[in-house]
C-alpha atoms as a PDB file:
ATOM      1  CA  MET A   1       0.000   0.000   0.000  1.00  0.00           C
ATOM      2  CA  THR A   2       1.185   3.546  -0.622  1.00  0.00           C
ATOM      3  CA  GLN A   3       0.798   6.668   1.477  1.00  0.00           C
ATOM      4  CA  THR A   4       1.051  10.368   0.647  1.00  0.00           C
ATOM      5  CA  ILE A   5       3.468  12.345   2.816  1.00  0.00           C
ATOM      6  CA  PHE A   6       4.119  16.085   3.036  1.00  0.00           C
ATOM      7  CA  VAL A   7       7.778  16.907   3.756  1.00  0.00           C
ATOM      8  CA  TYR A   8       8.841  20.437   4.706  1.00  0.00           C
ATOM      9  CA  GLY A   9      12.425  20.163   5.977  1.00  0.00           C
ATOM     10  CA  THR A  10      15.502  17.981   5.657  1.00  0.00           C
ATOM     11  CA  LEU A  11      13.652  15.358   3.563  1.00  0.00           C
ATOM     12  CA  LYS A  12      13.002  17.840   0.719  1.00  0.00           C
ATOM     13  CA  ARG A  13      14.992  17.651  -2.504  1.00  0.00           C
ATOM     14  CA  GLY A  14      18.439  19.201  -2.022  1.00  0.00           C
ATOM     15  CA  PHE A  15      18.498  18.702   1.759  1.00  0.00           C
ATOM     16  CA  PRO A  16      20.572  16.286   3.881  1.00  0.00           C
ATOM     17  CA  ASN A  17      17.981  13.556   4.547  1.00  0.00           C
ATOM     18  CA  HIS A  18      16.524  13.490   1.037  1.00  0.00           C
ATOM     19  CA  GLY A  19      18.337  10.207   0.329  1.00  0.00           C
ATOM     20  CA  LEU A  20      15.707   8.510   2.506  1.00  0.00           C
ATOM     21  CA  MET A  21      13.148   9.417  -0.168  1.00  0.00           C
ATOM     22  CA  ALA A  22      14.889   7.155  -2.734  1.00  0.00           C
ATOM     23  CA  GLY A  23      12.277   5.037  -4.468  1.00  0.00           C
ATOM     24  CA  ALA A  24       9.416   7.352  -3.530  1.00  0.00           C
ATOM     25  CA  ALA A  25       7.379   9.111  -6.210  1.00  0.00           C
ATOM     26  CA  PHE A  26       7.578  12.930  -6.208  1.00  0.00           C
ATOM     27  CA  LEU A  27       4.042  14.295  -6.617  1.00  0.00           C
ATOM     28  CA  GLY A  28       4.885  18.004  -6.640  1.00  0.00           C
ATOM     29  CA  GLU A  29       5.124  21.116  -4.530  1.00  0.00           C
ATOM     30  CA  ALA A  30       2.411  21.752  -1.955  1.00  0.00           C
ATOM     31  CA  ARG A  31       1.392  24.058   0.870  1.00  0.00           C
ATOM     32  CA  THR A  32      -0.583  23.413   4.034  1.00  0.00           C
ATOM     33  CA  ILE A  33      -4.198  24.561   3.938  1.00  0.00           C
ATOM     34  CA  GLN A  34      -3.944  25.891   7.488  1.00  0.00           C
ATOM     35  CA  ALA A  35      -1.169  27.961   9.007  1.00  0.00           C
ATOM     36  CA  TYR A  36       1.216  26.257  11.452  1.00  0.00           C
ATOM     37  CA  PRO A  37       4.278  27.469  13.340  1.00  0.00           C
ATOM     38  CA  MET A  38       7.491  26.073  11.821  1.00  0.00           C
ATOM     39  CA  VAL A  39      10.808  26.867  13.492  1.00  0.00           C
ATOM     40  CA  VAL A  40      14.415  25.662  13.534  1.00  0.00           C
ATOM     41  CA  GLN A  41      15.162  23.963  16.862  1.00  0.00           C
ATOM     42  CA  GLY A  42      17.454  21.896  19.037  1.00  0.00           C
ATOM     43  CA  GLN A  43      21.060  20.741  18.865  1.00  0.00           C
ATOM     44  CA  THR A  44      20.537  19.500  15.287  1.00  0.00           C
ATOM     45  CA  PHE A  45      19.069  22.799  14.009  1.00  0.00           C
ATOM     46  CA  SER A  46      16.225  20.736  12.584  1.00  0.00           C
ATOM     47  CA  PRO A  47      12.933  22.165  11.392  1.00  0.00           C
ATOM     48  CA  VAL A  48       9.792  21.446  13.359  1.00  0.00           C
ATOM     49  CA  MET A  49       6.217  22.110  12.496  1.00  0.00           C
ATOM     50  CA  MET A  50       4.127  22.347  15.647  1.00  0.00           C
ATOM     51  CA  PRO A  51       0.530  21.046  15.726  1.00  0.00           C
ATOM     52  CA  GLU A  52      -1.023  24.451  16.360  1.00  0.00           C
ATOM     53  CA  PRO A  53      -3.369  25.101  13.413  1.00  0.00           C
ATOM     54  CA  GLY A  54      -4.096  28.749  12.716  1.00  0.00           C
ATOM     55  CA  VAL A  55      -0.752  29.980  14.141  1.00  0.00           C
ATOM     56  CA  GLY A  56       2.217  30.911  11.943  1.00  0.00           C
ATOM     57  CA  HIS A  57       2.222  30.467   8.182  1.00  0.00           C
ATOM     58  CA  ARG A  58       0.957  28.146   5.496  1.00  0.00           C
ATOM     59  CA  ILE A  59       3.972  25.838   5.171  1.00  0.00           C
ATOM     60  CA  VAL A  60       5.629  25.174   1.804  1.00  0.00           C
ATOM     61  CA  GLY A  61       6.804  21.639   1.134  1.00  0.00           C
ATOM     62  CA  GLU A  62       6.692  18.639  -1.171  1.00  0.00           C
ATOM     63  CA  LEU A  63       4.266  15.767  -1.631  1.00  0.00           C
ATOM     64  CA  TRP A  64       5.636  12.247  -2.017  1.00  0.00           C
ATOM     65  CA  GLN A  65       4.080   8.824  -2.468  1.00  0.00           C
ATOM     66  CA  VAL A  66       5.827   6.262  -0.233  1.00  0.00           C
ATOM     67  CA  ASP A  67       5.194   2.602   0.513  1.00  0.00           C
ATOM     68  CA  ASP A  68       4.511   1.309   4.010  1.00  0.00           C
ATOM     69  CA  ALA A  69       8.107   0.104   4.539  1.00  0.00           C
ATOM     70  CA  GLN A  70       9.466   3.532   3.642  1.00  0.00           C
ATOM     71  CA  LEU A  71       6.973   5.190   5.984  1.00  0.00           C
ATOM     72  CA  VAL A  72       8.327   3.003   8.810  1.00  0.00           C
ATOM     73  CA  ARG A  73      11.886   4.171   7.976  1.00  0.00           C
ATOM     74  CA  LEU A  74      10.735   7.804   8.037  1.00  0.00           C
ATOM     75  CA  ASP A  75       9.005   7.220  11.385  1.00  0.00           C
ATOM     76  CA  ASP A  76      12.336   5.911  12.662  1.00  0.00           C
ATOM     77  CA  LEU A  77      14.210   9.002  11.414  1.00  0.00           C
ATOM     78  CA  GLU A  78      11.647  11.236  13.119  1.00  0.00           C
ATOM     79  CA  SER A  79      11.833   9.186  16.360  1.00  0.00           C
ATOM     80  CA  THR A  80       8.059   8.713  16.530  1.00  0.00           C
ATOM     81  CA  HIS A  81       8.650   5.835  18.965  1.00  0.00           C
ATOM     82  CA  LEU A  82      10.293   8.145  21.533  1.00  0.00           C
ATOM     83  CA  PRO A  83       8.506  10.511  23.937  1.00  0.00           C
ATOM     84  CA  THR A  84      10.772  13.313  22.644  1.00  0.00           C
ATOM     85  CA  GLY A  85      10.172  12.557  18.953  1.00  0.00           C
ATOM     86  CA  TYR A  86       7.824  13.773  16.289  1.00  0.00           C
ATOM     87  CA  ILE A  87       4.241  12.616  15.869  1.00  0.00           C
ATOM     88  CA  ARG A  88       2.776  11.711  12.473  1.00  0.00           C
ATOM     89  CA  GLU A  89      -0.704  13.010  11.635  1.00  0.00           C
ATOM     90  CA  GLN A  90      -2.751  13.573   8.511  1.00  0.00           C
ATOM     91  CA  ILE A  91      -3.514  17.127   7.447  1.00  0.00           C
ATOM     92  CA  ALA A  92      -5.019  18.867   4.418  1.00  0.00           C
ATOM     93  CA  VAL A  93      -2.569  20.294   1.905  1.00  0.00           C
ATOM     94  CA  GLU A  94      -2.983  22.203  -1.330  1.00  0.00           C
ATOM     95  CA  ALA A  95      -1.116  20.573  -4.199  1.00  0.00           C
ATOM     96  CA  GLU A  96       0.168  22.372  -7.276  1.00  0.00           C
ATOM     97  CA  GLY A  97      -2.828  23.457  -9.323  1.00  0.00           C
ATOM     98  CA  GLY A  98      -4.931  24.116  -6.232  1.00  0.00           C
ATOM     99  CA  SER A  99      -6.374  20.682  -5.500  1.00  0.00           C
ATOM    100  CA  ALA A 100      -6.706  19.734  -1.837  1.00  0.00           C
ATOM    101  CA  THR A 101      -5.562  16.358  -0.549  1.00  0.00           C
ATOM    102  CA  LYS A 102      -4.755  14.646   2.734  1.00  0.00           C
ATOM    103  CA  ALA A 103      -1.144  13.806   3.538  1.00  0.00           C
ATOM    104  CA  TRP A 104       0.880  12.559   6.481  1.00  0.00           C
ATOM    105  CA  VAL A 105       3.132  15.125   8.145  1.00  0.00           C
ATOM    106  CA  TYR A 106       5.550  15.050  11.072  1.00  0.00           C
ATOM    107  CA  PHE A 107       4.697  17.455  13.884  1.00  0.00           C
ATOM    108  CA  LYS A 108       6.606  18.074  17.089  1.00  0.00           C
ATOM    109  CA  PRO A 109       4.522  19.389  19.985  1.00  0.00           C
ATOM    110  CA  ARG A 110       5.819  22.594  21.550  1.00  0.00           C
ATOM    111  CA  ASP A 111       6.506  20.871  24.876  1.00  0.00           C
ATOM    112  CA  ARG A 112       9.038  18.610  23.079  1.00  0.00           C
ATOM    113  CA  VAL A 113      10.921  21.566  21.541  1.00  0.00           C
ATOM    114  CA  LYS A 114      13.795  22.559  23.826  1.00  0.00           C
ATOM    115  CA  VAL A 115      15.504  25.471  22.047  1.00  0.00           C
ATOM    116  CA  ILE A 116      14.147  27.542  19.163  1.00  0.00           C
ATOM    117  CA  PHE A 117      16.641  29.249  16.825  1.00  0.00           C
ATOM    118  CA  SER A 118      14.271  31.068  14.474  1.00  0.00           C
ATOM    119  CA  GLU A 119      11.036  32.944  14.171  1.00  0.00           C
ATOM    120  CA  PRO A 120       8.221  30.956  12.540  1.00  0.00           C
ATOM    121  CA  HIS A 121       8.607  30.883   8.777  1.00  0.00           C
ATOM    122  CA  ALA A 122       6.797  29.360   5.792  1.00  0.00           C
ATOM    123  CA  ASP A 123       9.611  27.794   3.766  1.00  0.00           C
ATOM    124  CA  TYR A 124      12.497  25.885   5.376  1.00  0.00           C
ATOM    125  CA  GLN A 125      15.795  26.882   3.751  1.00  0.00           C
ATOM    126  CA  ASP A 126      18.146  26.756   6.760  1.00  0.00           C
ATOM    127  CA  ARG A 127      21.448  24.955   6.091  1.00  0.00           C
ATOM    128  CA  ARG A 128      22.692  24.515   9.689  1.00  0.00           C
ATOM    129  CA  TYR A 129      21.235  21.007  10.124  1.00  0.00           C
ATOM    130  CA  ALA A 130      23.714  18.733  11.935  1.00  0.00           C
ATOM    131  CA  PRO A 131      22.428  15.203  12.579  1.00  0.00           C
ATOM    132  CA  VAL A 132      23.368  13.417  15.785  1.00  0.00           C
ATOM    133  CA  THR A 133      23.928   9.713  16.149  1.00  0.00           C
ATOM    134  CA  ASP A 134      22.253   9.465  19.567  1.00  0.00           C
ATOM    135  CA  PRO A 135      18.846   7.801  19.036  1.00  0.00           C
ATOM    136  CA  ALA A 136      17.529   9.419  22.209  1.00  0.00           C
ATOM    137  CA  ARG A 137      17.611  12.866  20.615  1.00  0.00           C
END
């Protein structure tokens, strides 16, 4: 089975974790229907979108079609199994051409964000990302 996922940070084309999207089908650019706060945070300078609809900006990202095995690998990257990790939820996004669709997205609740290094913004372009090897991040 395949799933549609909305990526807005280091999984986008041209960013450090994009290699994990190998084998996925690129569906196009997209933007969230609702505004959300997206900031750069933590020791990795990673982007986080917080599940606070109506706050911040409509977030720019990419839509991808992934299979279930790839979705499990992405969940692992985003540490969804840890109490400090991201959570995966479905939201409405606007695809190129204006059509609305549902897609999975990784949120991080504000209480899991330790240090914020940016104001909320709509399009992640920060290049300070520095992955850590500690799985308890």
